[in-house]
Full PDB file with SEQRES, HELIX, SHEET, SSBOND, CRYST1, ORIGX, SCALE, CONECT and MASTER records, all heavy atoms in Angstrom:
SEQRES   1 A   37  PRO PHE THR VAL ARG THR ASP GLY ILE PRO ASP LEU THR          
SEQRES   2 A   37  ALA ARG SER PHE LEU PHE ARG ALA ARG VAL ARG TYR GLU          
SEQRES   3 A   37  ILE ARG ASP GLY ALA GLY ARG MET LEU PHE CYS                  
SHEET    1 AA1 3 ILE A   9  ALA A  14  0                                        
SHEET    2 AA1 3 PHE A   2  THR A   6 -1                                        
SHEET    3 AA1 3 TYR A  25  ASP A  29 -1                                        
CRYST1    1.000    1.000    1.000  90.00  90.00  90.00 P 1           1          
ORIGX1      1.000000  0.000000  0.000000        0.00000                         
ORIGX2      0.000000  1.000000  0.000000        0.00000                         
ORIGX3      0.000000  0.000000  1.000000        0.00000                         
SCALE1      1.000000  0.000000  0.000000        0.00000                         
SCALE2      0.000000  1.000000  0.000000        0.00000                         
SCALE3      0.000000  0.000000  1.000000        0.00000                         
ATOM      1  N   PRO A   1     127.125 227.570 -56.778  1.00  0.00           N  
ATOM      2  CA  PRO A   1     126.207 228.525 -57.311  1.00  0.00           C  
ATOM      3  C   PRO A   1     126.607 229.942 -56.989  1.00  0.00           C  
ATOM      4  O   PRO A   1     127.478 230.220 -56.157  1.00  0.00           O  
ATOM      5  CB  PRO A   1     124.801 228.235 -56.692  1.00  0.00           C  
ATOM      6  CG  PRO A   1     125.102 227.144 -55.660  1.00  0.00           C  
ATOM      7  CD  PRO A   1     126.548 226.774 -55.730  1.00  0.00           C  
ATOM      8  N   PHE A   2     126.053 230.932 -57.677  1.00  0.00           N  
ATOM      9  CA  PHE A   2     126.252 232.368 -57.486  1.00  0.00           C  
ATOM     10  C   PHE A   2     124.952 233.088 -57.496  1.00  0.00           C  
ATOM     11  O   PHE A   2     123.939 232.590 -58.024  1.00  0.00           O  
ATOM     12  CB  PHE A   2     127.253 232.853 -58.518  1.00  0.00           C  
ATOM     13  CG  PHE A   2     126.868 232.703 -59.997  1.00  0.00           C  
ATOM     14  CD1 PHE A   2     126.211 233.742 -60.606  1.00  0.00           C  
ATOM     15  CD2 PHE A   2     127.115 231.589 -60.610  1.00  0.00           C  
ATOM     16  CE1 PHE A   2     125.829 233.565 -61.959  1.00  0.00           C  
ATOM     17  CE2 PHE A   2     126.653 231.373 -61.906  1.00  0.00           C  
ATOM     18  CZ  PHE A   2     126.043 232.437 -62.634  1.00  0.00           C  
ATOM     19  N   THR A   3     124.978 234.277 -56.951  1.00  0.00           N  
ATOM     20  CA  THR A   3     123.728 235.012 -56.841  1.00  0.00           C  
ATOM     21  C   THR A   3     123.846 236.351 -57.686  1.00  0.00           C  
ATOM     22  O   THR A   3     124.847 237.033 -57.607  1.00  0.00           O  
ATOM     23  CB  THR A   3     123.522 235.532 -55.412  1.00  0.00           C  
ATOM     24  OG1 THR A   3     123.305 234.254 -54.537  1.00  0.00           O  
ATOM     25  CG2 THR A   3     122.163 236.304 -55.204  1.00  0.00           C  
ATOM     26  N   VAL A   4     122.828 236.507 -58.506  1.00  0.00           N  
ATOM     27  CA  VAL A   4     122.877 237.669 -59.472  1.00  0.00           C  
ATOM     28  C   VAL A   4     121.774 238.673 -59.061  1.00  0.00           C  
ATOM     29  O   VAL A   4     120.669 238.337 -58.655  1.00  0.00           O  
ATOM     30  CB  VAL A   4     122.556 237.152 -60.865  1.00  0.00           C  
ATOM     31  CG1 VAL A   4     122.438 238.323 -61.825  1.00  0.00           C  
ATOM     32  CG2 VAL A   4     123.518 236.197 -61.346  1.00  0.00           C  
ATOM     33  N   ARG A   5     122.228 239.924 -59.074  1.00  0.00           N  
ATOM     34  CA  ARG A   5     121.243 240.982 -58.728  1.00  0.00           C  
ATOM     35  C   ARG A   5     121.132 241.866 -60.021  1.00  0.00           C  
ATOM     36  O   ARG A   5     122.153 242.233 -60.641  1.00  0.00           O  
ATOM     37  CB  ARG A   5     121.712 241.964 -57.628  1.00  0.00           C  
ATOM     38  CG  ARG A   5     120.850 243.098 -57.343  1.00  0.00           C  
ATOM     39  CD  ARG A   5     121.224 243.776 -56.101  1.00  0.00           C  
ATOM     40  NE  ARG A   5     120.758 242.956 -54.998  1.00  0.00           N  
ATOM     41  CZ  ARG A   5     121.163 243.181 -53.663  1.00  0.00           C  
ATOM     42  NH1 ARG A   5     121.910 244.173 -53.410  1.00  0.00           N  
ATOM     43  NH2 ARG A   5     120.795 242.356 -52.715  1.00  0.00           N  
ATOM     44  N   THR A   6     119.904 242.177 -60.402  1.00  0.00           N  
ATOM     45  CA  THR A   6     119.657 243.172 -61.456  1.00  0.00           C  
ATOM     46  C   THR A   6     118.433 243.966 -61.198  1.00  0.00           C  
ATOM     47  O   THR A   6     117.581 243.560 -60.256  1.00  0.00           O  
ATOM     48  CB  THR A   6     119.468 242.383 -62.836  1.00  0.00           C  
ATOM     49  OG1 THR A   6     119.433 243.363 -63.892  1.00  0.00           O  
ATOM     50  CG2 THR A   6     118.280 241.548 -62.843  1.00  0.00           C  
ATOM     51  N   ASP A   7     118.220 245.034 -61.778  1.00  0.00           N  
ATOM     52  CA  ASP A   7     117.089 245.924 -61.603  1.00  0.00           C  
ATOM     53  C   ASP A   7     115.815 245.275 -61.932  1.00  0.00           C  
ATOM     54  O   ASP A   7     115.699 244.590 -62.904  1.00  0.00           O  
ATOM     55  CB  ASP A   7     117.240 247.261 -62.267  1.00  0.00           C  
ATOM     56  CG  ASP A   7     118.427 248.072 -61.908  1.00  0.00           C  
ATOM     57  OD1 ASP A   7     118.941 247.994 -60.697  1.00  0.00           O  
ATOM     58  OD2 ASP A   7     118.937 248.805 -62.774  1.00  0.00           O  
ATOM     59  N   GLY A   8     114.814 245.363 -61.007  1.00  0.00           N  
ATOM     60  CA  GLY A   8     113.433 244.865 -61.374  1.00  0.00           C  
ATOM     61  C   GLY A   8     113.156 243.537 -61.047  1.00  0.00           C  
ATOM     62  O   GLY A   8     111.954 243.134 -61.249  1.00  0.00           O  
ATOM     63  N   ILE A   9     114.052 242.685 -60.619  1.00  0.00           N  
ATOM     64  CA  ILE A   9     113.734 241.316 -60.265  1.00  0.00           C  
ATOM     65  C   ILE A   9     114.447 240.968 -58.995  1.00  0.00           C  
ATOM     66  O   ILE A   9     115.517 241.512 -58.612  1.00  0.00           O  
ATOM     67  CB  ILE A   9     114.184 240.255 -61.458  1.00  0.00           C  
ATOM     68  CG1 ILE A   9     115.723 240.252 -61.512  1.00  0.00           C  
ATOM     69  CG2 ILE A   9     113.437 240.549 -62.689  1.00  0.00           C  
ATOM     70  CD1 ILE A   9     116.154 239.098 -62.434  1.00  0.00           C  
ATOM     71  N   PRO A  10     113.875 239.983 -58.204  1.00  0.00           N  
ATOM     72  CA  PRO A  10     114.513 239.586 -56.933  1.00  0.00           C  
ATOM     73  C   PRO A  10     115.926 238.918 -57.299  1.00  0.00           C  
ATOM     74  O   PRO A  10     116.107 238.364 -58.388  1.00  0.00           O  
ATOM     75  CB  PRO A  10     113.643 238.592 -56.377  1.00  0.00           C  
ATOM     76  CG  PRO A  10     112.292 238.740 -57.045  1.00  0.00           C  
ATOM     77  CD  PRO A  10     112.597 239.306 -58.407  1.00  0.00           C  
ATOM     78  N   ASP A  11     116.739 238.949 -56.301  1.00  0.00           N  
ATOM     79  CA  ASP A  11     118.147 238.211 -56.482  1.00  0.00           C  
ATOM     80  C   ASP A  11     117.850 236.733 -56.866  1.00  0.00           C  
ATOM     81  O   ASP A  11     116.880 236.197 -56.383  1.00  0.00           O  
ATOM     82  CB  ASP A  11     118.907 238.274 -55.158  1.00  0.00           C  
ATOM     83  CG  ASP A  11     119.413 239.689 -54.925  1.00  0.00           C  
ATOM     84  OD1 ASP A  11     119.202 240.653 -55.632  1.00  0.00           O  
ATOM     85  OD2 ASP A  11     120.121 239.830 -53.899  1.00  0.00           O  
ATOM     86  N   LEU A  12     118.718 236.225 -57.726  1.00  0.00           N  
ATOM     87  CA  LEU A  12     118.501 234.857 -58.179  1.00  0.00           C  
ATOM     88  C   LEU A  12     119.822 234.093 -58.004  1.00  0.00           C  
ATOM     89  O   LEU A  12     120.883 234.593 -58.288  1.00  0.00           O  
ATOM     90  CB  LEU A  12     118.174 234.890 -59.688  1.00  0.00           C  
ATOM     91  CG  LEU A  12     118.124 233.523 -60.360  1.00  0.00           C  
ATOM     92  CD1 LEU A  12     116.905 232.767 -59.827  1.00  0.00           C  
ATOM     93  CD2 LEU A  12     118.080 233.705 -61.850  1.00  0.00           C  
ATOM     94  N   THR A  13     119.708 232.958 -57.289  1.00  0.00           N  
ATOM     95  CA  THR A  13     120.837 232.070 -57.089  1.00  0.00           C  
ATOM     96  C   THR A  13     120.769 230.925 -58.048  1.00  0.00           C  
ATOM     97  O   THR A  13     119.706 230.246 -58.100  1.00  0.00           O  
ATOM     98  CB  THR A  13     120.956 231.629 -55.656  1.00  0.00           C  
ATOM     99  OG1 THR A  13     121.013 232.726 -54.757  1.00  0.00           O  
ATOM    100  CG2 THR A  13     122.112 230.704 -55.369  1.00  0.00           C  
ATOM    101  N   ALA A  14     121.843 230.646 -58.778  1.00  0.00           N  
ATOM    102  CA  ALA A  14     121.851 229.646 -59.858  1.00  0.00           C  
ATOM    103  C   ALA A  14     123.325 229.184 -60.128  1.00  0.00           C  
ATOM    104  O   ALA A  14     124.196 229.744 -59.654  1.00  0.00           O  
ATOM    105  CB  ALA A  14     121.198 230.145 -61.158  1.00  0.00           C  
ATOM    106  N   ARG A  15     123.401 228.104 -60.941  1.00  0.00           N  
ATOM    107  CA  ARG A  15     124.690 227.542 -61.341  1.00  0.00           C  
ATOM    108  C   ARG A  15     125.085 228.189 -62.657  1.00  0.00           C  
ATOM    109  O   ARG A  15     126.183 228.168 -63.017  1.00  0.00           O  
ATOM    110  CB  ARG A  15     124.695 226.093 -61.474  1.00  0.00           C  
ATOM    111  CG  ARG A  15     124.680 225.281 -60.142  1.00  0.00           C  
ATOM    112  CD  ARG A  15     125.945 225.622 -59.295  1.00  0.00           C  
ATOM    113  NE  ARG A  15     127.124 225.061 -59.752  1.00  0.00           N  
ATOM    114  CZ  ARG A  15     127.755 224.008 -59.230  1.00  0.00           C  
ATOM    115  NH1 ARG A  15     127.200 223.391 -58.150  1.00  0.00           N  
ATOM    116  NH2 ARG A  15     128.927 223.570 -59.671  1.00  0.00           N  
ATOM    117  N   SER A  16     124.033 228.691 -63.439  1.00  0.00           N  
ATOM    118  CA  SER A  16     124.328 229.389 -64.726  1.00  0.00           C  
ATOM    119  C   SER A  16     123.316 230.463 -64.926  1.00  0.00           C  
ATOM    120  O   SER A  16     122.189 230.396 -64.367  1.00  0.00           O  
ATOM    121  CB  SER A  16     124.273 228.337 -65.805  1.00  0.00           C  
ATOM    122  OG  SER A  16     122.931 227.844 -65.929  1.00  0.00           O  
ATOM    123  N   PHE A  17     123.716 231.448 -65.695  1.00  0.00           N  
ATOM    124  CA  PHE A  17     122.875 232.620 -65.975  1.00  0.00           C  
ATOM    125  C   PHE A  17     123.272 233.222 -67.245  1.00  0.00           C  
ATOM    126  O   PHE A  17     124.536 233.391 -67.567  1.00  0.00           O  
ATOM    127  CB  PHE A  17     123.047 233.649 -64.839  1.00  0.00           C  
ATOM    128  CG  PHE A  17     122.062 234.741 -64.805  1.00  0.00           C  
ATOM    129  CD1 PHE A  17     120.838 234.621 -64.207  1.00  0.00           C  
ATOM    130  CD2 PHE A  17     122.400 235.922 -65.456  1.00  0.00           C  
ATOM    131  CE1 PHE A  17     119.891 235.731 -64.201  1.00  0.00           C  
ATOM    132  CE2 PHE A  17     121.525 236.977 -65.458  1.00  0.00           C  
ATOM    133  CZ  PHE A  17     120.299 236.898 -64.818  1.00  0.00           C  
ATOM    134  N   LEU A  18     122.330 233.598 -68.095  1.00  0.00           N  
ATOM    135  CA  LEU A  18     122.597 234.316 -69.324  1.00  0.00           C  
ATOM    136  C   LEU A  18     122.415 235.813 -69.054  1.00  0.00           C  
ATOM    137  O   LEU A  18     121.363 236.334 -68.776  1.00  0.00           O  
ATOM    138  CB  LEU A  18     121.632 233.946 -70.437  1.00  0.00           C  
ATOM    139  CG  LEU A  18     121.874 234.548 -71.772  1.00  0.00           C  
ATOM    140  CD1 LEU A  18     123.304 234.274 -72.328  1.00  0.00           C  
ATOM    141  CD2 LEU A  18     120.854 234.192 -72.790  1.00  0.00           C  
ATOM    142  N   PHE A  19     123.576 236.537 -69.077  1.00  0.00           N  
ATOM    143  CA  PHE A  19     123.607 238.048 -68.926  1.00  0.00           C  
ATOM    144  C   PHE A  19     123.277 238.597 -70.243  1.00  0.00           C  
ATOM    145  O   PHE A  19     124.046 238.448 -71.154  1.00  0.00           O  
ATOM    146  CB  PHE A  19     124.940 238.433 -68.366  1.00  0.00           C  
ATOM    147  CG  PHE A  19     125.384 237.832 -67.042  1.00  0.00           C  
ATOM    148  CD1 PHE A  19     125.996 236.597 -66.992  1.00  0.00           C  
ATOM    149  CD2 PHE A  19     125.047 238.534 -65.914  1.00  0.00           C  
ATOM    150  CE1 PHE A  19     126.380 236.106 -65.755  1.00  0.00           C  
ATOM    151  CE2 PHE A  19     125.383 238.000 -64.668  1.00  0.00           C  
ATOM    152  CZ  PHE A  19     126.014 236.798 -64.574  1.00  0.00           C  
ATOM    153  N   ARG A  20     122.141 239.288 -70.306  1.00  0.00           N  
ATOM    154  CA  ARG A  20     121.763 239.951 -71.473  1.00  0.00           C  
ATOM    155  C   ARG A  20     122.663 241.175 -71.788  1.00  0.00           C  
ATOM    156  O   ARG A  20     123.140 241.819 -70.852  1.00  0.00           O  
ATOM    157  CB  ARG A  20     120.313 240.343 -71.521  1.00  0.00           C  
ATOM    158  CG  ARG A  20     119.398 239.104 -71.423  1.00  0.00           C  
ATOM    159  CD  ARG A  20     117.981 239.544 -71.463  1.00  0.00           C  
ATOM    160  NE  ARG A  20     117.679 240.893 -71.202  1.00  0.00           N  
ATOM    161  CZ  ARG A  20     116.591 241.425 -70.686  1.00  0.00           C  
ATOM    162  NH1 ARG A  20     115.571 240.576 -70.383  1.00  0.00           N  
ATOM    163  NH2 ARG A  20     116.465 242.707 -70.455  1.00  0.00           N  
ATOM    164  N   ALA A  21     122.819 241.502 -73.019  1.00  0.00           N  
ATOM    165  CA  ALA A  21     123.577 242.699 -73.361  1.00  0.00           C  
ATOM    166  C   ALA A  21     122.884 243.924 -72.898  1.00  0.00           C  
ATOM    167  O   ALA A  21     121.641 244.079 -72.910  1.00  0.00           O  
ATOM    168  CB  ALA A  21     123.807 242.733 -74.927  1.00  0.00           C  
ATOM    169  N   ARG A  22     123.694 244.905 -72.499  1.00  0.00           N  
ATOM    170  CA  ARG A  22     123.190 246.253 -72.073  1.00  0.00           C  
ATOM    171  C   ARG A  22     122.235 246.258 -70.974  1.00  0.00           C  
ATOM    172  O   ARG A  22     121.405 247.204 -70.833  1.00  0.00           O  
ATOM    173  CB  ARG A  22     122.675 246.983 -73.307  1.00  0.00           C  
ATOM    174  CG  ARG A  22     123.693 247.274 -74.382  1.00  0.00           C  
ATOM    175  CD  ARG A  22     123.150 247.990 -75.613  1.00  0.00           C  
ATOM    176  NE  ARG A  22     124.166 248.279 -76.519  1.00  0.00           N  
ATOM    177  CZ  ARG A  22     124.544 247.397 -77.471  1.00  0.00           C  
ATOM    178  NH1 ARG A  22     124.048 246.233 -77.554  1.00  0.00           N  
ATOM    179  NH2 ARG A  22     125.498 247.739 -78.341  1.00  0.00           N  
ATOM    180  N   VAL A  23     122.283 245.234 -70.082  1.00  0.00           N  
ATOM    181  CA  VAL A  23     121.440 245.180 -68.820  1.00  0.00           C  
ATOM    182  C   VAL A  23     122.409 245.173 -67.686  1.00  0.00           C  
ATOM    183  O   VAL A  23     123.443 244.388 -67.718  1.00  0.00           O  
ATOM    184  CB  VAL A  23     120.539 244.004 -68.844  1.00  0.00           C  
ATOM    185  CG1 VAL A  23     119.812 243.877 -67.492  1.00  0.00           C  
ATOM    186  CG2 VAL A  23     119.526 244.005 -69.997  1.00  0.00           C  
ATOM    187  N   ARG A  24     122.190 246.008 -66.687  1.00  0.00           N  
ATOM    188  CA  ARG A  24     123.134 246.051 -65.561  1.00  0.00           C  
ATOM    189  C   ARG A  24     122.901 244.995 -64.596  1.00  0.00           C  
ATOM    190  O   ARG A  24     121.777 244.757 -64.165  1.00  0.00           O  
ATOM    191  CB  ARG A  24     122.911 247.424 -64.860  1.00  0.00           C  
ATOM    192  CG  ARG A  24     124.114 247.820 -64.002  1.00  0.00           C  
ATOM    193  CD  ARG A  24     124.008 249.259 -63.545  1.00  0.00           C  
ATOM    194  NE  ARG A  24     123.223 249.291 -62.344  1.00  0.00           N  
ATOM    195  CZ  ARG A  24     123.410 250.243 -61.424  1.00  0.00           C  
ATOM    196  NH1 ARG A  24     124.195 251.224 -61.722  1.00  0.00           N  
ATOM    197  NH2 ARG A  24     122.623 250.188 -60.347  1.00  0.00           N  
ATOM    198  N   TYR A  25     124.000 244.260 -64.273  1.00  0.00           N  
ATOM    199  CA  TYR A  25     123.913 243.170 -63.325  1.00  0.00           C  
ATOM    200  C   TYR A  25     125.068 243.263 -62.312  1.00  0.00           C  
ATOM    201  O   TYR A  25     126.019 244.006 -62.524  1.00  0.00           O  
ATOM    202  CB  TYR A  25     124.286 241.854 -64.096  1.00  0.00           C  
ATOM    203  CG  TYR A  25     123.240 241.482 -65.065  1.00  0.00           C  
ATOM    204  CD1 TYR A  25     123.429 241.804 -66.428  1.00  0.00           C  
ATOM    205  CD2 TYR A  25     122.113 240.762 -64.768  1.00  0.00           C  
ATOM    206  CE1 TYR A  25     122.475 241.425 -67.377  1.00  0.00           C  
ATOM    207  CE2 TYR A  25     121.132 240.380 -65.687  1.00  0.00           C  
ATOM    208  CZ  TYR A  25     121.297 240.722 -67.074  1.00  0.00           C  
ATOM    209  OH  TYR A  25     120.429 240.404 -68.004  1.00  0.00           O  
ATOM    210  N   GLU A  26     124.880 242.568 -61.209  1.00  0.00           N  
ATOM    211  CA  GLU A  26     125.973 242.424 -60.248  1.00  0.00           C  
ATOM    212  C   GLU A  26     125.904 240.980 -59.646  1.00  0.00           C  
ATOM    213  O   GLU A  26     124.829 240.585 -59.313  1.00  0.00           O  
ATOM    214  CB  GLU A  26     125.871 243.429 -59.133  1.00  0.00           C  
ATOM    215  CG  GLU A  26     126.952 243.354 -58.066  1.00  0.00           C  
ATOM    216  CD  GLU A  26     126.843 244.366 -56.997  1.00  0.00           C  
ATOM    217  OE1 GLU A  26     125.823 245.016 -56.896  1.00  0.00           O  
ATOM    218  OE2 GLU A  26     127.777 244.578 -56.196  1.00  0.00           O  
ATOM    219  N   ILE A  27     127.087 240.366 -59.641  1.00  0.00           N  
ATOM    220  CA  ILE A  27     127.145 238.984 -59.011  1.00  0.00           C  
ATOM    221  C   ILE A  27     127.418 239.268 -57.501  1.00  0.00           C  
ATOM    222  O   ILE A  27     128.537 239.854 -57.143  1.00  0.00           O  
ATOM    223  CB  ILE A  27     128.187 238.106 -59.566  1.00  0.00           C  
ATOM    224  CG1 ILE A  27     127.812 237.852 -61.024  1.00  0.00           C  
ATOM    225  CG2 ILE A  27     128.343 236.835 -58.847  1.00  0.00           C  
ATOM    226  CD1 ILE A  27     128.880 237.065 -61.758  1.00  0.00           C  
ATOM    227  N   ARG A  28     126.462 239.010 -56.658  1.00  0.00           N  
ATOM    228  CA  ARG A  28     126.529 239.300 -55.210  1.00  0.00           C  
ATOM    229  C   ARG A  28     127.267 238.309 -54.362  1.00  0.00           C  
ATOM    230  O   ARG A  28     128.080 238.643 -53.476  1.00  0.00           O  
ATOM    231  CB  ARG A  28     125.162 239.474 -54.633  1.00  0.00           C  
ATOM    232  CG  ARG A  28     124.315 240.518 -55.329  1.00  0.00           C  
ATOM    233  CD  ARG A  28     124.768 241.884 -55.067  1.00  0.00           C  
ATOM    234  NE  ARG A  28     124.580 242.166 -53.710  1.00  0.00           N  
ATOM    235  CZ  ARG A  28     125.114 243.169 -52.995  1.00  0.00           C  
ATOM    236  NH1 ARG A  28     125.795 244.086 -53.643  1.00  0.00           N  
ATOM    237  NH2 ARG A  28     124.889 243.342 -51.798  1.00  0.00           N  
ATOM    238  N   ASP A  29     127.095 237.022 -54.670  1.00  0.00           N  
ATOM    239  CA  ASP A  29     127.783 235.975 -53.927  1.00  0.00           C  
ATOM    240  C   ASP A  29     128.249 234.876 -54.929  1.00  0.00           C  
ATOM    241  O   ASP A  29     127.623 234.669 -55.931  1.00  0.00           O  
ATOM    242  CB  ASP A  29     126.810 235.306 -52.924  1.00  0.00           C  
ATOM    243  CG  ASP A  29     126.452 236.181 -51.753  1.00  0.00           C  
ATOM    244  OD1 ASP A  29     127.355 236.881 -51.215  1.00  0.00           O  
ATOM    245  OD2 ASP A  29     125.210 236.306 -51.519  1.00  0.00           O  
ATOM    246  N   GLY A  30     129.276 234.231 -54.531  1.00  0.00           N  
ATOM    247  CA  GLY A  30     129.780 233.127 -55.354  1.00  0.00           C  
ATOM    248  C   GLY A  30     131.191 232.682 -54.814  1.00  0.00           C  
ATOM    249  O   GLY A  30     131.848 233.482 -54.139  1.00  0.00           O  
ATOM    250  N   ALA A  31     131.545 231.458 -55.076  1.00  0.00           N  
ATOM    251  CA  ALA A  31     132.866 230.927 -54.701  1.00  0.00           C  
ATOM    252  C   ALA A  31     133.391 230.031 -55.723  1.00  0.00           C  
ATOM    253  O   ALA A  31     132.668 229.555 -56.467  1.00  0.00           O  
ATOM    254  CB  ALA A  31     132.682 230.263 -53.351  1.00  0.00           C  
ATOM    255  N   GLY A  32     134.688 229.892 -55.692  1.00  0.00           N  
ATOM    256  CA  GLY A  32     135.307 229.001 -56.646  1.00  0.00           C  
ATOM    257  C   GLY A  32     135.418 229.490 -58.025  1.00  0.00           C  
ATOM    258  O   GLY A  32     135.364 230.683 -58.244  1.00  0.00           O  
ATOM    259  N   ARG A  33     135.625 228.649 -58.975  1.00  0.00           N  
ATOM    260  CA  ARG A  33     135.831 228.979 -60.332  1.00  0.00           C  
ATOM    261  C   ARG A  33     134.565 229.319 -61.090  1.00  0.00           C  
ATOM    262  O   ARG A  33     133.570 228.748 -60.895  1.00  0.00           O  
ATOM    263  CB  ARG A  33     136.533 227.843 -61.096  1.00  0.00           C  
ATOM    264  CG  ARG A  33     137.903 227.520 -60.511  1.00  0.00           C  
ATOM    265  CD  ARG A  33     138.435 226.193 -61.153  1.00  0.00           C  
ATOM    266  NE  ARG A  33     137.409 225.175 -60.895  1.00  0.00           N  
ATOM    267  CZ  ARG A  33     137.170 224.134 -61.634  1.00  0.00           C  
ATOM    268  NH1 ARG A  33     137.842 224.033 -62.867  1.00  0.00           N  
ATOM    269  NH2 ARG A  33     136.272 223.236 -61.398  1.00  0.00           N  
ATOM    270  N   MET A  34     134.689 230.417 -61.952  1.00  0.00           N  
ATOM    271  CA  MET A  34     133.636 230.811 -62.811  1.00  0.00           C  
ATOM    272  C   MET A  34     134.026 230.701 -64.279  1.00  0.00           C  
ATOM    273  O   MET A  34     135.270 230.840 -64.611  1.00  0.00           O  
ATOM    274  CB  MET A  34     133.300 232.291 -62.545  1.00  0.00           C  
ATOM    275  CG  MET A  34     132.707 232.513 -61.161  1.00  0.00           C  
ATOM    276  SD  MET A  34     131.010 231.959 -60.898  1.00  0.00           S  
ATOM    277  CE  MET A  34     130.118 232.916 -62.109  1.00  0.00           C  
ATOM    278  N   LEU A  35     133.092 230.459 -65.112  1.00  0.00           N  
ATOM    279  CA  LEU A  35     133.336 230.385 -66.538  1.00  0.00           C  
ATOM    280  C   LEU A  35     132.408 231.420 -67.182  1.00  0.00           C  
ATOM    281  O   LEU A  35     131.216 231.450 -66.985  1.00  0.00           O  
ATOM    282  CB  LEU A  35     133.062 228.989 -67.175  1.00  0.00           C  
ATOM    283  CG  LEU A  35     133.112 228.951 -68.691  1.00  0.00           C  
ATOM    284  CD1 LEU A  35     134.509 229.072 -69.165  1.00  0.00           C  
ATOM    285  CD2 LEU A  35     132.569 227.556 -69.170  1.00  0.00           C  
ATOM    286  N   PHE A  36     133.000 232.332 -67.877  1.00  0.00           N  
ATOM    287  CA  PHE A  36     132.205 233.363 -68.603  1.00  0.00           C  
ATOM    288  C   PHE A  36     132.489 233.272 -70.122  1.00  0.00           C  
ATOM    289  O   PHE A  36     133.569 233.189 -70.574  1.00  0.00           O  
ATOM    290  CB  PHE A  36     132.519 234.769 -68.206  1.00  0.00           C  
ATOM    291  CG  PHE A  36     132.162 235.043 -66.723  1.00  0.00           C  
ATOM    292  CD1 PHE A  36     133.034 235.001 -65.711  1.00  0.00           C  
ATOM    293  CD2 PHE A  36     130.814 235.307 -66.402  1.00  0.00           C  
ATOM    294  CE1 PHE A  36     132.710 235.340 -64.394  1.00  0.00           C  
ATOM    295  CE2 PHE A  36     130.450 235.607 -65.133  1.00  0.00           C  
ATOM    296  CZ  PHE A  36     131.317 235.535 -64.151  1.00  0.00           C  
ATOM    297  N   CYS A  37     131.304 233.017 -70.869  1.00  0.00           N  
ATOM    298  CA  CYS A  37     131.440 232.882 -72.357  1.00  0.00           C  
ATOM    299  C   CYS A  37     130.742 234.032 -72.966  1.00  0.00           C  
ATOM    300  O   CYS A  37     129.614 234.257 -72.868  1.00  0.00           O  
ATOM    301  CB  CYS A  37     130.683 231.648 -72.763  1.00  0.00           C  
ATOM    302  SG  CYS A  37     131.248 230.166 -71.772  1.00  0.00           S  
TER     303      CYS A  37                                                      
MASTER        0    0    0    0    3    0    0    6  302    1    0    3          
END                                                                             
């Protein structure tokens, strides 16, 4: 899993996440291989 931080919501740890367009995000923690589509 990886942890995502974005403005206005608590950090979220998940195996998948849909990053919306034009919203600022940061992946805080994670290990291993990632797939970005």
